[in-house]
Amino acid sequence: MLLLLLAKDTPPVNSKKEITMNDENVLSIDGKGYAEADLNNQQKYLIAQLKDLSVKANQLRADLDQVQRAADSFQKELLESFKKTAEESTEEETKEAS
């Protein structure tokens, strides 16, 4: 997978190669510059696809973080409810034994 940084606010994804585009629309791949005007349509298309996939991957990471936090909250609430039920049962047994 390639590292794609075409916008300053797009965080990187894991990669073996680094691809960036500076303010002058020069694409840099592992330090070698390529002017956007020199790219063919297929290369421009592939870059657009990689940029879109990078955005989607970052959104999926955010979505997954939200899901994990929500699941943790529900799990915590469930465990607390079992603990409360167990404490109430213990209190009732103590009262009955008295």
Protein backbone atom coordinates (compact mmCIF):
# COMPACT_ATOMS: atom_id res chain seq x y z
CA MET A 1 0.00 0.00 0.00
CA LEU A 2 1.25 3.48 -0.79
CA LEU A 3 1.41 6.38 1.61
CA LEU A 4 -0.70 9.11 0.11
CA LEU A 5 -0.62 12.69 1.31
CA LEU A 6 -2.31 14.90 -1.24
CA ALA A 7 -3.90 17.26 1.23
CA LYS A 8 -2.17 18.79 4.20
CA ASP A 9 -4.91 17.59 6.55
CA THR A 10 -4.99 13.99 5.28
CA PRO A 11 -3.23 11.73 7.79
CA PRO A 12 -0.91 9.06 6.37
CA VAL A 13 -1.79 5.40 6.00
CA ASN A 14 0.69 2.56 6.45
CA SER A 15 2.95 2.22 3.45
CA LYS A 16 6.30 1.24 2.06
CA LYS A 17 6.48 4.22 -0.30
CA GLU A 18 5.81 7.85 0.39
CA ILE A 19 3.76 9.92 -2.03
CA THR A 20 3.11 13.59 -1.39
CA MET A 21 1.90 16.55 -3.43
CA ASN A 22 3.22 19.98 -2.60
CA ASP A 23 1.64 23.40 -3.17
CA GLU A 24 2.99 23.58 -6.72
CA ASN A 25 1.09 20.39 -7.67
CA VAL A 26 4.28 18.35 -7.84
CA LEU A 27 3.85 14.73 -6.88
CA SER A 28 6.77 13.33 -4.94
CA ILE A 29 7.33 9.57 -4.86
CA ASP A 30 10.23 8.58 -2.62
CA GLY A 31 11.82 11.99 -3.14
CA LYS A 32 11.48 12.11 -6.94
CA GLY A 33 9.19 14.89 -8.22
CA TYR A 34 6.54 14.52 -10.91
CA ALA A 35 4.59 17.55 -12.13
CA GLU A 36 0.84 16.99 -12.12
CA ALA A 37 0.72 18.24 -15.71
CA ASP A 38 3.07 15.38 -16.72
CA LEU A 39 0.84 12.66 -15.30
CA ASN A 40 -1.39 10.69 -17.63
CA ASN A 41 -5.10 10.24 -16.99
CA GLN A 42 -4.65 6.77 -15.52
CA GLN A 43 -2.05 8.05 -13.03
CA LYS A 44 -4.32 10.93 -12.03
CA TYR A 45 -7.21 8.50 -11.62
CA LEU A 46 -5.13 6.15 -9.48
CA ILE A 47 -3.98 9.03 -7.30
CA ALA A 48 -7.58 10.16 -6.85
CA GLN A 49 -8.57 6.60 -5.90
CA LEU A 50 -5.75 6.34 -3.35
CA LYS A 51 -6.69 9.70 -1.86
CA ASP A 52 -10.33 8.64 -1.58
CA LEU A 53 -9.34 5.32 0.00
CA SER A 54 -7.13 7.14 2.50
CA VAL A 55 -10.05 9.35 3.52
CA LYS A 56 -12.33 6.30 3.82
CA ALA A 57 -9.74 4.38 5.85
CA ASN A 58 -9.45 7.29 8.27
CA GLN A 59 -13.25 7.51 8.56
CA LEU A 60 -13.46 3.78 9.19
CA ARG A 61 -10.84 4.11 11.95
CA ALA A 62 -12.93 6.86 13.54
CA ASP A 63 -16.12 4.79 13.18
CA LEU A 64 -14.42 1.75 14.69
CA ASP A 65 -13.18 3.83 17.62
CA GLN A 66 -16.74 5.02 18.26
CA VAL A 67 -18.12 1.48 18.05
CA GLN A 68 -15.43 0.14 20.39
CA ARG A 69 -16.07 2.89 22.94
CA ALA A 70 -19.83 2.31 22.79
CA ALA A 71 -19.36 -1.46 23.17
CA ASP A 72 -17.04 -0.87 26.15
CA SER A 73 -19.69 1.32 27.75
CA PHE A 74 -22.42 -1.28 27.28
CA GLN A 75 -20.14 -4.02 28.60
CA LYS A 76 -19.28 -1.94 31.66
CA GLU A 77 -22.97 -1.27 32.33
CA LEU A 78 -23.80 -4.97 31.94
CA LEU A 79 -21.04 -6.03 34.34
CA GLU A 80 -22.18 -3.43 36.87
CA SER A 81 -25.75 -4.73 36.63
CA PHE A 82 -24.57 -8.28 37.40
CA LYS A 83 -22.52 -6.98 40.31
CA LYS A 84 -25.54 -5.08 41.65
CA THR A 85 -27.77 -8.13 41.25
CA ALA A 86 -25.22 -10.29 43.09
CA GLU A 87 -24.98 -7.75 45.93
CA GLU A 88 -28.78 -7.61 46.24
CA SER A 89 -28.96 -11.41 46.34
CA THR A 90 -26.31 -11.53 49.06
CA GLU A 91 -28.19 -8.94 51.13
CA GLU A 92 -31.46 -10.93 50.82
CA GLU A 93 -29.74 -14.17 51.81
CA THR A 94 -28.23 -12.44 54.85
CA LYS A 95 -31.64 -11.10 55.90
CA GLU A 96 -33.27 -14.53 55.46
CA ALA A 97 -30.54 -16.22 57.48
CA SER A 98 -31.03 -13.81 60.39
